[in-house]
Amino acid sequence: MKTTYTTYGTCARFIDIELEGDTVADVRFIGGCAGNAQGVSALVKGLPVKEVVERLQGLQCRGGTSCPDQLSQALTGMLEKQEPIGA
């Protein structure tokens, strides 16, 4: 499953996300601080989506959110859209 998430309250404007089942396959932040975005992307690659959400949800940089928090929100939305296994 792939999506492009439009962020709010962060320097990054979009996040391109690809999941393979319940695992983060790839993340790419568009805009924002390149080094931090690349670091977050590399750290979450290959991890279960739920683990990434638990670790990043609620982290704040400015405006009550952050790029990692926006990623957690995007992943939560993607999980909600996935069809249950066996459906």
PDB file of N, CA and C in Angstrom:
ATOM      1  N   MET A   1       0.850  -1.172   0.000  1.00  0.00           N
ATOM      2  CA  MET A   1       0.000   0.000   0.000  1.00  0.00           C
ATOM      3  C   MET A   1       0.896   1.235   0.000  1.00  0.00           C
ATOM      4  N   LYS A   2       0.575   2.174  -0.865  1.00  0.00           N
ATOM      5  CA  LYS A   2       1.327   3.427  -0.955  1.00  0.00           C
ATOM      6  C   LYS A   2       0.389   4.603  -0.741  1.00  0.00           C
ATOM      7  N   THR A   3       0.948   5.683  -0.172  1.00  0.00           N
ATOM      8  CA  THR A   3       0.178   6.908  -0.034  1.00  0.00           C
ATOM      9  C   THR A   3       1.129   8.093   0.039  1.00  0.00           C
ATOM     10  N   THR A   4       0.606   9.259  -0.268  1.00  0.00           N
ATOM     11  CA  THR A   4       1.294  10.516  -0.027  1.00  0.00           C
ATOM     12  C   THR A   4       0.440  11.285   0.967  1.00  0.00           C
ATOM     13  N   TYR A   5       1.002  11.556   2.125  1.00  0.00           N
ATOM     14  CA  TYR A   5       0.296  12.225   3.215  1.00  0.00           C
ATOM     15  C   TYR A   5       0.671  13.702   3.215  1.00  0.00           C
ATOM     16  N   THR A   6      -0.322  14.565   3.262  1.00  0.00           N
ATOM     17  CA  THR A   6      -0.094  16.006   3.358  1.00  0.00           C
ATOM     18  C   THR A   6       0.019  16.374   4.833  1.00  0.00           C
ATOM     19  N   THR A   7       1.151  16.904   5.230  1.00  0.00           N
ATOM     20  CA  THR A   7       1.399  17.233   6.626  1.00  0.00           C
ATOM     21  C   THR A   7       0.816  18.593   6.983  1.00  0.00           C
ATOM     22  N   TYR A   8       0.752  18.861   8.285  1.00  0.00           N
ATOM     23  CA  TYR A   8       0.388  20.205   8.744  1.00  0.00           C
ATOM     24  C   TYR A   8       1.260  20.545   9.948  1.00  0.00           C
ATOM     25  N   GLY A   9       1.627  21.807  10.057  1.00  0.00           N
ATOM     26  CA  GLY A   9       2.393  22.281  11.203  1.00  0.00           C
ATOM     27  C   GLY A   9       3.856  21.881  11.219  1.00  0.00           C
ATOM     28  N   THR A  10       4.371  21.410  10.090  1.00  0.00           N
ATOM     29  CA  THR A  10       5.781  20.999  10.024  1.00  0.00           C
ATOM     30  C   THR A  10       6.450  21.605   8.799  1.00  0.00           C
ATOM     31  N   CYS A  11       7.771  21.538   8.796  1.00  0.00           N
ATOM     32  CA  CYS A  11       8.527  22.027   7.633  1.00  0.00           C
ATOM     33  C   CYS A  11       8.336  21.115   6.427  1.00  0.00           C
ATOM     34  N   ALA A  12       8.270  19.805   6.672  1.00  0.00           N
ATOM     35  CA  ALA A  12       7.993  18.874   5.579  1.00  0.00           C
ATOM     36  C   ALA A  12       6.567  19.108   5.103  1.00  0.00           C
ATOM     37  N   ARG A  13       6.356  19.096   3.806  1.00  0.00           N
ATOM     38  CA  ARG A  13       5.027  19.354   3.248  1.00  0.00           C
ATOM     39  C   ARG A  13       4.247  18.075   2.982  1.00  0.00           C
ATOM     40  N   PHE A  14       4.973  17.009   2.643  1.00  0.00           N
ATOM     41  CA  PHE A  14       4.355  15.726   2.323  1.00  0.00           C
ATOM     42  C   PHE A  14       5.233  14.607   2.858  1.00  0.00           C
ATOM     43  N   ILE A  15       4.612  13.413   3.012  1.00  0.00           N
ATOM     44  CA  ILE A  15       5.363  12.206   3.334  1.00  0.00           C
ATOM     45  C   ILE A  15       4.883  11.116   2.393  1.00  0.00           C
ATOM     46  N   ASP A  16       5.808  10.572   1.595  1.00  0.00           N
ATOM     47  CA  ASP A  16       5.504   9.410   0.763  1.00  0.00           C
ATOM     48  C   ASP A  16       5.776   8.170   1.603  1.00  0.00           C
ATOM     49  N   ILE A  17       4.790   7.281   1.678  1.00  0.00           N
ATOM     50  CA  ILE A  17       4.898   6.098   2.529  1.00  0.00           C
ATOM     51  C   ILE A  17       4.514   4.865   1.731  1.00  0.00           C
ATOM     52  N   GLU A  18       5.288   3.799   1.925  1.00  0.00           N
ATOM     53  CA  GLU A  18       4.955   2.508   1.331  1.00  0.00           C
ATOM     54  C   GLU A  18       4.998   1.452   2.424  1.00  0.00           C
ATOM     55  N   LEU A  19       3.911   0.675   2.513  1.00  0.00           N
ATOM     56  CA  LEU A  19       3.834  -0.424   3.463  1.00  0.00           C
ATOM     57  C   LEU A  19       3.824  -1.745   2.712  1.00  0.00           C
ATOM     58  N   GLU A  20       4.410  -2.747   3.329  1.00  0.00           N
ATOM     59  CA  GLU A  20       4.289  -4.126   2.856  1.00  0.00           C
ATOM     60  C   GLU A  20       3.619  -4.880   3.985  1.00  0.00           C
ATOM     61  N   GLY A  21       2.312  -5.088   3.855  1.00  0.00           N
ATOM     62  CA  GLY A  21       1.545  -5.691   4.945  1.00  0.00           C
ATOM     63  C   GLY A  21       1.522  -4.738   6.119  1.00  0.00           C
ATOM     64  N   ASP A  22       2.014  -5.213   7.267  1.00  0.00           N
ATOM     65  CA  ASP A  22       2.028  -4.372   8.470  1.00  0.00           C
ATOM     66  C   ASP A  22       3.426  -3.841   8.783  1.00  0.00           C
ATOM     67  N   THR A  23       4.263  -3.782   7.742  1.00  0.00           N
ATOM     68  CA  THR A  23       5.652  -3.344   7.898  1.00  0.00           C
ATOM     69  C   THR A  23       5.921  -2.105   7.042  1.00  0.00           C
ATOM     70  N   VAL A  24       6.688  -1.162   7.586  1.00  0.00           N
ATOM     71  CA  VAL A  24       7.081   0.032   6.841  1.00  0.00           C
ATOM     72  C   VAL A  24       8.160  -0.367   5.832  1.00  0.00           C
ATOM     73  N   ALA A  25       7.854  -0.229   4.559  1.00  0.00           N
ATOM     74  CA  ALA A  25       8.806  -0.572   3.503  1.00  0.00           C
ATOM     75  C   ALA A  25       9.667   0.626   3.122  1.00  0.00           C
ATOM     76  N   ASP A  26       9.047   1.826   3.082  1.00  0.00           N
ATOM     77  CA  ASP A  26       9.800   3.009   2.680  1.00  0.00           C
ATOM     78  C   ASP A  26       9.062   4.265   3.137  1.00  0.00           C
ATOM     79  N   VAL A  27       9.826   5.268   3.516  1.00  0.00           N
ATOM     80  CA  VAL A  27       9.288   6.569   3.913  1.00  0.00           C
ATOM     81  C   VAL A  27      10.179   7.636   3.308  1.00  0.00           C
ATOM     82  N   ARG A  28       9.556   8.660   2.733  1.00  0.00           N
ATOM     83  CA  ARG A  28      10.328   9.773   2.171  1.00  0.00           C
ATOM     84  C   ARG A  28       9.595  11.073   2.486  1.00  0.00           C
ATOM     85  N   PHE A  29      10.271  11.946   3.232  1.00  0.00           N
ATOM     86  CA  PHE A  29       9.723  13.253   3.564  1.00  0.00           C
ATOM     87  C   PHE A  29      10.035  14.222   2.436  1.00  0.00           C
ATOM     88  N   ILE A  30       9.062  15.032   2.049  1.00  0.00           N
ATOM     89  CA  ILE A  30       9.235  16.035   1.004  1.00  0.00           C
ATOM     90  C   ILE A  30       9.278  17.393   1.699  1.00  0.00           C
ATOM     91  N   GLY A  31      10.430  18.036   1.658  1.00  0.00           N
ATOM     92  CA  GLY A  31      10.628  19.297   2.358  1.00  0.00           C
ATOM     93  C   GLY A  31      11.144  19.043   3.763  1.00  0.00           C
ATOM     94  N   GLY A  32      11.374  20.101   4.476  1.00  0.00           N
ATOM     95  CA  GLY A  32      11.842  19.977   5.854  1.00  0.00           C
ATOM     96  C   GLY A  32      13.338  19.794   5.955  1.00  0.00           C
ATOM     97  N   CYS A  33      13.769  19.386   7.116  1.00  0.00           N
ATOM     98  CA  CYS A  33      15.182  19.199   7.424  1.00  0.00           C
ATOM     99  C   CYS A  33      15.652  17.866   6.845  1.00  0.00           C
ATOM    100  N   ALA A  34      16.447  17.930   5.798  1.00  0.00           N
ATOM    101  CA  ALA A  34      16.832  16.730   5.044  1.00  0.00           C
ATOM    102  C   ALA A  34      17.519  15.675   5.904  1.00  0.00           C
ATOM    103  N   GLY A  35      18.443  16.079   6.740  1.00  0.00           N
ATOM    104  CA  GLY A  35      19.172  15.111   7.557  1.00  0.00           C
ATOM    105  C   GLY A  35      18.269  14.378   8.535  1.00  0.00           C
ATOM    106  N   ASN A  36      17.434  15.119   9.238  1.00  0.00           N
ATOM    107  CA  ASN A  36      16.517  14.491  10.186  1.00  0.00           C
ATOM    108  C   ASN A  36      15.505  13.603   9.466  1.00  0.00           C
ATOM    109  N   ALA A  37      14.997  14.073   8.354  1.00  0.00           N
ATOM    110  CA  ALA A  37      14.020  13.293   7.602  1.00  0.00           C
ATOM    111  C   ALA A  37      14.624  11.983   7.113  1.00  0.00           C
ATOM    112  N   GLN A  38      15.844  12.036   6.610  1.00  0.00           N
ATOM    113  CA  GLN A  38      16.511  10.821   6.150  1.00  0.00           C
ATOM    114  C   GLN A  38      16.779   9.878   7.315  1.00  0.00           C
ATOM    115  N   GLY A  39      17.132  10.450   8.465  1.00  0.00           N
ATOM    116  CA  GLY A  39      17.391   9.633   9.652  1.00  0.00           C
ATOM    117  C   GLY A  39      16.142   8.917  10.127  1.00  0.00           C
ATOM    118  N   VAL A  40      15.037   9.640  10.246  1.00  0.00           N
ATOM    119  CA  VAL A  40      13.777   9.030  10.670  1.00  0.00           C
ATOM    120  C   VAL A  40      13.382   7.947   9.671  1.00  0.00           C
ATOM    121  N   SER A  41      13.481   8.238   8.391  1.00  0.00           N
ATOM    122  CA  SER A  41      13.122   7.268   7.358  1.00  0.00           C
ATOM    123  C   SER A  41      13.935   5.989   7.486  1.00  0.00           C
ATOM    124  N   ALA A  42      15.234   6.126   7.691  1.00  0.00           N
ATOM    125  CA  ALA A  42      16.101   4.951   7.809  1.00  0.00           C
ATOM    126  C   ALA A  42      15.795   4.149   9.076  1.00  0.00           C
ATOM    127  N   LEU A  43      15.473   4.834  10.153  1.00  0.00           N
ATOM    128  CA  LEU A  43      15.212   4.151  11.420  1.00  0.00           C
ATOM    129  C   LEU A  43      13.909   3.363  11.435  1.00  0.00           C
ATOM    130  N   VAL A  44      12.896   3.823  10.698  1.00  0.00           N
ATOM    131  CA  VAL A  44      11.600   3.138  10.736  1.00  0.00           C
ATOM    132  C   VAL A  44      11.467   2.061   9.665  1.00  0.00           C
ATOM    133  N   LYS A  45      12.330   2.073   8.675  1.00  0.00           N
ATOM    134  CA  LYS A  45      12.248   1.097   7.591  1.00  0.00           C
ATOM    135  C   LYS A  45      12.398  -0.322   8.147  1.00  0.00           C
ATOM    136  N   GLY A  46      11.446  -1.170   7.794  1.00  0.00           N
ATOM    137  CA  GLY A  46      11.478  -2.563   8.218  1.00  0.00           C
ATOM    138  C   GLY A  46      10.786  -2.836   9.544  1.00  0.00           C
ATOM    139  N   LEU A  47      10.338  -1.791  10.229  1.00  0.00           N
ATOM    140  CA  LEU A  47       9.667  -1.969  11.516  1.00  0.00           C
ATOM    141  C   LEU A  47       8.164  -2.166  11.329  1.00  0.00           C
ATOM    142  N   PRO A  48       7.527  -2.850  12.281  1.00  0.00           N
ATOM    143  CA  PRO A  48       6.064  -2.963  12.238  1.00  0.00           C
ATOM    144  C   PRO A  48       5.422  -1.579  12.393  1.00  0.00           C
ATOM    145  N   VAL A  49       4.364  -1.344  11.643  1.00  0.00           N
ATOM    146  CA  VAL A  49       3.691  -0.045  11.654  1.00  0.00           C
ATOM    147  C   VAL A  49       3.268   0.340  13.066  1.00  0.00           C
ATOM    148  N   LYS A  50       2.677  -0.579  13.804  1.00  0.00           N
ATOM    149  CA  LYS A  50       2.190  -0.260  15.151  1.00  0.00           C
ATOM    150  C   LYS A  50       3.328   0.168  16.075  1.00  0.00           C
ATOM    151  N   GLU A  51       4.487  -0.435  15.936  1.00  0.00           N
ATOM    152  CA  GLU A  51       5.645  -0.051  16.754  1.00  0.00           C
ATOM    153  C   GLU A  51       6.100   1.366  16.417  1.00  0.00           C
ATOM    154  N   VAL A  52       6.115   1.702  15.138  1.00  0.00           N
ATOM    155  CA  VAL A  52       6.510   3.047  14.711  1.00  0.00           C
ATOM    156  C   VAL A  52       5.536   4.075  15.273  1.00  0.00           C
ATOM    157  N   VAL A  53       4.242   3.784  15.180  1.00  0.00           N
ATOM    158  CA  VAL A  53       3.227   4.709  15.697  1.00  0.00           C
ATOM    159  C   VAL A  53       3.419   4.920  17.196  1.00  0.00           C
ATOM    160  N   GLU A  54       3.613   3.838  17.949  1.00  0.00           N
ATOM    161  CA  GLU A  54       3.803   3.941  19.396  1.00  0.00           C
ATOM    162  C   GLU A  54       5.010   4.792  19.756  1.00  0.00           C
ATOM    163  N   ARG A  55       6.083   4.655  19.000  1.00  0.00           N
ATOM    164  CA  ARG A  55       7.320   5.386  19.303  1.00  0.00           C
ATOM    165  C   ARG A  55       7.252   6.859  18.925  1.00  0.00           C
ATOM    166  N   LEU A  56       6.551   7.191  17.850  1.00  0.00           N
ATOM    167  CA  LEU A  56       6.602   8.551  17.307  1.00  0.00           C
ATOM    168  C   LEU A  56       5.401   9.422  17.646  1.00  0.00           C
ATOM    169  N   GLN A  57       4.289   8.801  17.985  1.00  0.00           N
ATOM    170  CA  GLN A  57       3.058   9.547  18.241  1.00  0.00           C
ATOM    171  C   GLN A  57       3.237  10.535  19.386  1.00  0.00           C
ATOM    172  N   GLY A  58       2.863  11.780  19.132  1.00  0.00           N
ATOM    173  CA  GLY A  58       2.885  12.807  20.166  1.00  0.00           C
ATOM    174  C   GLY A  58       4.190  13.564  20.316  1.00  0.00           C
ATOM    175  N   LEU A  59       5.239  13.187  19.569  1.00  0.00           N
ATOM    176  CA  LEU A  59       6.493  13.943  19.637  1.00  0.00           C
ATOM    177  C   LEU A  59       6.255  15.344  19.076  1.00  0.00           C
ATOM    178  N   GLN A  60       6.784  16.339  19.770  1.00  0.00           N
ATOM    179  CA  GLN A  60       6.539  17.721  19.346  1.00  0.00           C
ATOM    180  C   GLN A  60       7.827  18.451  19.011  1.00  0.00           C
ATOM    181  N   CYS A  61       7.746  19.242  17.958  1.00  0.00           N
ATOM    182  CA  CYS A  61       8.838  20.107  17.544  1.00  0.00           C
ATOM    183  C   CYS A  61       8.376  21.553  17.676  1.00  0.00           C
ATOM    184  N   ARG A  62       7.307  21.859  16.964  1.00  0.00           N
ATOM    185  CA  ARG A  62       6.679  23.179  17.044  1.00  0.00           C
ATOM    186  C   ARG A  62       5.242  23.028  16.594  1.00  0.00           C
ATOM    187  N   GLY A  63       4.403  23.939  17.016  1.00  0.00           N
ATOM    188  CA  GLY A  63       3.008  23.884  16.598  1.00  0.00           C
ATOM    189  C   GLY A  63       2.255  22.673  17.112  1.00  0.00           C
ATOM    190  N   GLY A  64       2.754  22.036  18.169  1.00  0.00           N
ATOM    191  CA  GLY A  64       2.063  20.891  18.745  1.00  0.00           C
ATOM    192  C   GLY A  64       2.232  19.589  17.994  1.00  0.00           C
ATOM    193  N   THR A  65       3.146  19.563  17.020  1.00  0.00           N
ATOM    194  CA  THR A  65       3.384  18.346  16.251  1.00  0.00           C
ATOM    195  C   THR A  65       4.845  18.326  15.808  1.00  0.00           C
ATOM    196  N   SER A  66       5.213  17.344  15.009  1.00  0.00           N
ATOM    197  CA  SER A  66       6.562  17.225  14.454  1.00  0.00           C
ATOM    198  C   SER A  66       6.475  16.336  13.222  1.00  0.00           C
ATOM    199  N   CYS A  67       7.552  16.257  12.479  1.00  0.00           N
ATOM    200  CA  CYS A  67       7.563  15.357  11.323  1.00  0.00           C
ATOM    201  C   CYS A  67       7.349  13.904  11.764  1.00  0.00           C
ATOM    202  N   PRO A  68       8.022  13.411  12.835  1.00  0.00           N
ATOM    203  CA  PRO A  68       7.746  12.051  13.289  1.00  0.00           C
ATOM    204  C   PRO A  68       6.285  11.861  13.723  1.00  0.00           C
ATOM    205  N   ASP A  69       5.713  12.845  14.413  1.00  0.00           N
ATOM    206  CA  ASP A  69       4.308  12.755  14.824  1.00  0.00           C
ATOM    207  C   ASP A  69       3.399  12.709  13.601  1.00  0.00           C
ATOM    208  N   GLN A  70       3.693  13.504  12.587  1.00  0.00           N
ATOM    209  CA  GLN A  70       2.898  13.480  11.362  1.00  0.00           C
ATOM    210  C   GLN A  70       2.995  12.120  10.686  1.00  0.00           C
ATOM    211  N   LEU A  71       4.181  11.501  10.716  1.00  0.00           N
ATOM    212  CA  LEU A  71       4.339  10.158  10.168  1.00  0.00           C
ATOM    213  C   LEU A  71       3.455   9.179  10.932  1.00  0.00           C
ATOM    214  N   SER A  72       3.429   9.289  12.250  1.00  0.00           N
ATOM    215  CA  SER A  72       2.592   8.380  13.040  1.00  0.00           C
ATOM    216  C   SER A  72       1.117   8.563  12.691  1.00  0.00           C
ATOM    217  N   GLN A  73       0.693   9.795  12.463  1.00  0.00           N
ATOM    218  CA  GLN A  73      -0.701  10.047  12.091  1.00  0.00           C
ATOM    219  C   GLN A  73      -1.018   9.462  10.712  1.00  0.00           C
ATOM    220  N   ALA A  74      -0.087   9.612   9.791  1.00  0.00           N
ATOM    221  CA  ALA A  74      -0.281   9.054   8.450  1.00  0.00           C
ATOM    222  C   ALA A  74      -0.373   7.532   8.512  1.00  0.00           C
ATOM    223  N   LEU A  75       0.506   6.909   9.296  1.00  0.00           N
ATOM    224  CA  LEU A  75       0.495   5.447   9.417  1.00  0.00           C
ATOM    225  C   LEU A  75      -0.789   4.958  10.075  1.00  0.00           C
ATOM    226  N   THR A  76      -1.275   5.684  11.063  1.00  0.00           N
ATOM    227  CA  THR A  76      -2.532   5.317  11.709  1.00  0.00           C
ATOM    228  C   THR A  76      -3.669   5.334  10.694  1.00  0.00           C
ATOM    229  N   GLY A  77      -3.698   6.360   9.857  1.00  0.00           N
ATOM    230  CA  GLY A  77      -4.713   6.436   8.811  1.00  0.00           C
ATOM    231  C   GLY A  77      -4.604   5.290   7.819  1.00  0.00           C
ATOM    232  N   MET A  78      -3.384   4.904   7.487  1.00  0.00           N
ATOM    233  CA  MET A  78      -3.192   3.802   6.554  1.00  0.00           C
ATOM    234  C   MET A  78      -3.677   2.488   7.173  1.00  0.00           C
ATOM    235  N   LEU A  79      -3.400   2.293   8.453  1.00  0.00           N
ATOM    236  CA  LEU A  79      -3.863   1.074   9.125  1.00  0.00           C
ATOM    237  C   LEU A  79      -5.380   0.989   9.110  1.00  0.00           C
ATOM    238  N   GLU A  80      -6.024   2.114   9.315  1.00  0.00           N
ATOM    239  CA  GLU A  80      -7.490   2.143   9.334  1.00  0.00           C
ATOM    240  C   GLU A  80      -8.081   1.808   7.969  1.00  0.00           C
ATOM    241  N   LYS A  81      -7.352   2.093   6.898  1.00  0.00           N
ATOM    242  CA  LYS A  81      -7.851   1.842   5.546  1.00  0.00           C
ATOM    243  C   LYS A  81      -7.582   0.415   5.066  1.00  0.00           C
ATOM    244  N   GLN A  82      -6.643  -0.284   5.721  1.00  0.00           N
ATOM    245  CA  GLN A  82      -6.314  -1.649   5.290  1.00  0.00           C
ATOM    246  C   GLN A  82      -7.483  -2.586   5.580  1.00  0.00           C
ATOM    247  N   GLU A  83      -7.689  -3.512   4.665  1.00  0.00           N
ATOM    248  CA  GLU A  83      -8.726  -4.503   4.870  1.00  0.00           C
ATOM    249  C   GLU A  83      -8.216  -5.534   5.859  1.00  0.00           C
ATOM    250  N   PRO A  84      -9.083  -6.000   6.751  1.00  0.00           N
ATOM    251  CA  PRO A  84      -8.675  -7.050   7.684  1.00  0.00           C
ATOM    252  C   PRO A  84      -8.265  -8.297   6.917  1.00  0.00           C
ATOM    253  N   ILE A  85      -7.307  -9.035   7.450  1.00  0.00           N
ATOM    254  CA  ILE A  85      -6.844 -10.275   6.828  1.00  0.00           C
ATOM    255  C   ILE A  85      -8.010 -11.264   6.813  1.00  0.00           C
ATOM    256  N   GLY A  86      -8.220 -11.886   5.673  1.00  0.00           N
ATOM    257  CA  GLY A  86      -9.307 -12.851   5.528  1.00  0.00           C
ATOM    258  C   GLY A  86     -10.629 -12.218   5.128  1.00  0.00           C
ATOM    259  N   ALA A  87     -10.635 -10.920   4.881  1.00  0.00           N
ATOM    260  CA  ALA A  87     -11.905 -10.260   4.512  1.00  0.00           C
ATOM    261  C   ALA A  87     -12.187 -10.419   3.037  1.00  0.00           C
TER     262      ALA A  87
END
